[in-house]
Structure formats: C-alpha cells, structure tokens
Amino acid sequence: MKFKPLRDRIFVKFSSEEEKTAGGLFIPDSAKEKPQKGTVVAVGPGKVTDDGKRQPMDVKVGDTVLFEKYSGSKIKIDDEEYLIIREEDILGIVE
C-alpha cells in the first residue's frame, strides 16, 4: 500500500520493542507502553505559510524520530502499527 501524507503530516512506523524484560519475563501487548520512537515511512510536502509559500519539512523518509507520547492518529495496516503525526509533534531526530 502506498500512502502520501498531506501538508505537514508524517507517516511513522513504530519501532519494535523487546517483548522480554532483562529478568526474562515476557510482557503481554496489553501491558506494554507504546514506543515513542519510530521510523519515517512517508512525508508530506510541508506546511503552507500565511504568505502562501510552502515551508519544507525538517525530516525525511528513513529518519528515526522521537515524538510526543499521545500525539497523532494510530492506524494498523497488515498487522503493523503506524502513526500519522504533524511535524510539530516530533521532538527530534535520532542520529
């Protein structure tokens, strides 16, 4: 499936998390906290400013980003979790 976000939205795939603790206990999905880190899959063209110019995005496809915990809209496609967020919800790029 191809997905192209509009304006300043970003399509992010959640990073996989360990399902086992350091002590060897398995954590069920219902008890896991959702990750606040993910990989950018698609990026919109950017926000249109008040003067009609398009502001370029600071992130690009393939970047690993940290984002606010309760931001965006979560969707599930083919058993994979994705998030559609605005660029302003991204806290930074992991290098």
C-alpha atoms as a PDB file:
ATOM      1  CA  MET A   1       0.000   0.000   0.000  1.00  0.00           C
ATOM      2  CA  LYS A   2       1.219   3.484  -0.818  1.00  0.00           C
ATOM      3  CA  PHE A   3       0.366   6.364   1.488  1.00  0.00           C
ATOM      4  CA  LYS A   4       1.203  10.017   0.903  1.00  0.00           C
ATOM      5  CA  PRO A   5       0.603  12.362   3.843  1.00  0.00           C
ATOM      6  CA  LEU A   6      -0.753  15.835   3.189  1.00  0.00           C
ATOM      7  CA  ARG A   7       0.733  19.177   4.296  1.00  0.00           C
ATOM      8  CA  ASP A   8       2.936  18.875   7.398  1.00  0.00           C
ATOM      9  CA  ARG A   9       1.960  15.321   8.310  1.00  0.00           C
ATOM     10  CA  ILE A  10       4.372  12.431   8.670  1.00  0.00           C
ATOM     11  CA  PHE A  11       3.683   8.676   8.407  1.00  0.00           C
ATOM     12  CA  VAL A  12       5.730   6.827  11.043  1.00  0.00           C
ATOM     13  CA  LYS A  13       6.184   3.101  11.696  1.00  0.00           C
ATOM     14  CA  PHE A  14       6.576   2.229  15.360  1.00  0.00           C
ATOM     15  CA  SER A  15       9.942   0.770  16.328  1.00  0.00           C
ATOM     16  CA  SER A  16       9.782  -2.804  17.541  1.00  0.00           C
ATOM     17  CA  GLU A  17      10.227  -3.215  21.248  1.00  0.00           C
ATOM     18  CA  GLU A  18      11.648  -6.074  23.236  1.00  0.00           C
ATOM     19  CA  GLU A  19       8.909  -8.383  24.431  1.00  0.00           C
ATOM     20  CA  LYS A  20      11.002  -9.727  27.289  1.00  0.00           C
ATOM     21  CA  THR A  21      12.370  -7.892  30.326  1.00  0.00           C
ATOM     22  CA  ALA A  22      16.008  -8.034  31.398  1.00  0.00           C
ATOM     23  CA  GLY A  23      14.950 -10.573  34.040  1.00  0.00           C
ATOM     24  CA  GLY A  24      13.463 -12.854  31.386  1.00  0.00           C
ATOM     25  CA  LEU A  25       9.770 -12.066  31.903  1.00  0.00           C
ATOM     26  CA  PHE A  26       7.574 -11.763  28.833  1.00  0.00           C
ATOM     27  CA  ILE A  27       5.399  -8.647  28.626  1.00  0.00           C
ATOM     28  CA  PRO A  28       1.929  -9.017  27.079  1.00  0.00           C
ATOM     29  CA  ASP A  29       0.842  -6.448  24.458  1.00  0.00           C
ATOM     30  CA  SER A  30      -1.805  -5.063  26.810  1.00  0.00           C
ATOM     31  CA  ALA A  31       0.824  -4.159  29.424  1.00  0.00           C
ATOM     32  CA  LYS A  32       3.413  -2.671  27.074  1.00  0.00           C
ATOM     33  CA  GLU A  33       3.805   1.047  26.719  1.00  0.00           C
ATOM     34  CA  LYS A  34       3.662   2.184  23.142  1.00  0.00           C
ATOM     35  CA  PRO A  35       7.033   3.303  21.840  1.00  0.00           C
ATOM     36  CA  GLN A  36       7.743   6.980  21.405  1.00  0.00           C
ATOM     37  CA  LYS A  37      10.230   6.246  18.668  1.00  0.00           C
ATOM     38  CA  GLY A  38       9.663   5.294  15.069  1.00  0.00           C
ATOM     39  CA  THR A  39      10.938   5.352  11.510  1.00  0.00           C
ATOM     40  CA  VAL A  40       9.587   7.845   8.986  1.00  0.00           C
ATOM     41  CA  VAL A  41       7.901   5.988   6.108  1.00  0.00           C
ATOM     42  CA  ALA A  42       6.421   8.948   4.202  1.00  0.00           C
ATOM     43  CA  VAL A  43       6.480  12.743   4.479  1.00  0.00           C
ATOM     44  CA  GLY A  44       4.022  15.353   3.257  1.00  0.00           C
ATOM     45  CA  PRO A  45       5.117  18.297   1.100  1.00  0.00           C
ATOM     46  CA  GLY A  46       5.187  20.752   4.014  1.00  0.00           C
ATOM     47  CA  LYS A  47       3.041  23.402   5.637  1.00  0.00           C
ATOM     48  CA  VAL A  48       1.759  26.391   3.670  1.00  0.00           C
ATOM     49  CA  THR A  49       2.616  29.635   5.480  1.00  0.00           C
ATOM     50  CA  ASP A  50       0.358  32.698   5.725  1.00  0.00           C
ATOM     51  CA  ASP A  51       2.070  34.303   2.721  1.00  0.00           C
ATOM     52  CA  GLY A  52       1.332  31.245   0.539  1.00  0.00           C
ATOM     53  CA  LYS A  53       4.834  29.757   0.481  1.00  0.00           C
ATOM     54  CA  ARG A  54       5.485  26.122   1.310  1.00  0.00           C
ATOM     55  CA  GLN A  55       7.723  25.518   4.312  1.00  0.00           C
ATOM     56  CA  PRO A  56       9.975  22.475   3.690  1.00  0.00           C
ATOM     57  CA  MET A  57       9.950  19.591   6.158  1.00  0.00           C
ATOM     58  CA  ASP A  58      12.886  19.003   8.527  1.00  0.00           C
ATOM     59  CA  VAL A  59      12.519  15.201   8.450  1.00  0.00           C
ATOM     60  CA  LYS A  60      12.887  12.792   5.550  1.00  0.00           C
ATOM     61  CA  VAL A  61      11.990   9.180   4.801  1.00  0.00           C
ATOM     62  CA  GLY A  62      14.212   6.794   6.758  1.00  0.00           C
ATOM     63  CA  ASP A  63      14.833   9.127   9.722  1.00  0.00           C
ATOM     64  CA  THR A  64      14.335   7.680  13.205  1.00  0.00           C
ATOM     65  CA  VAL A  65      12.338  10.182  15.237  1.00  0.00           C
ATOM     66  CA  LEU A  66      11.151  10.669  18.802  1.00  0.00           C
ATOM     67  CA  PHE A  67       7.622  12.012  19.203  1.00  0.00           C
ATOM     68  CA  GLU A  68       5.223  13.048  21.921  1.00  0.00           C
ATOM     69  CA  LYS A  69       3.502  10.160  23.689  1.00  0.00           C
ATOM     70  CA  TYR A  70      -0.150  10.905  22.905  1.00  0.00           C
ATOM     71  CA  SER A  71       0.249  12.606  19.544  1.00  0.00           C
ATOM     72  CA  GLY A  72      -1.204  11.726  16.167  1.00  0.00           C
ATOM     73  CA  SER A  73      -3.600   9.102  14.895  1.00  0.00           C
ATOM     74  CA  LYS A  74      -2.732   5.424  15.223  1.00  0.00           C
ATOM     75  CA  ILE A  75      -3.641   3.048  12.413  1.00  0.00           C
ATOM     76  CA  LYS A  76      -2.947  -0.640  11.806  1.00  0.00           C
ATOM     77  CA  ILE A  77      -2.116  -1.956   8.334  1.00  0.00           C
ATOM     78  CA  ASP A  78      -1.208  -5.620   7.744  1.00  0.00           C
ATOM     79  CA  ASP A  79      -0.602  -6.202  11.494  1.00  0.00           C
ATOM     80  CA  GLU A  80       1.875  -3.282  11.612  1.00  0.00           C
ATOM     81  CA  GLU A  81       1.188  -0.197  13.724  1.00  0.00           C
ATOM     82  CA  TYR A  82       1.685   3.223  12.179  1.00  0.00           C
ATOM     83  CA  LEU A  83       1.166   6.757  13.361  1.00  0.00           C
ATOM     84  CA  ILE A  84       0.213   9.849  11.389  1.00  0.00           C
ATOM     85  CA  ILE A  85       1.585  12.912  13.166  1.00  0.00           C
ATOM     86  CA  ARG A  86       2.250  16.562  12.473  1.00  0.00           C
ATOM     87  CA  GLU A  87       5.820  17.754  12.190  1.00  0.00           C
ATOM     88  CA  GLU A  88       5.367  19.895  15.323  1.00  0.00           C
ATOM     89  CA  ASP A  89       4.782  16.706  17.403  1.00  0.00           C
ATOM     90  CA  ILE A  90       8.262  15.416  16.594  1.00  0.00           C
ATOM     91  CA  LEU A  91      10.701  16.111  19.413  1.00  0.00           C
ATOM     92  CA  GLY A  92      13.865  15.249  17.481  1.00  0.00           C
ATOM     93  CA  ILE A  93      15.725  13.026  15.053  1.00  0.00           C
ATOM     94  CA  VAL A  94      17.860  10.188  16.429  1.00  0.00           C
ATOM     95  CA  GLU A  95      21.307  10.153  14.785  1.00  0.00           C
END
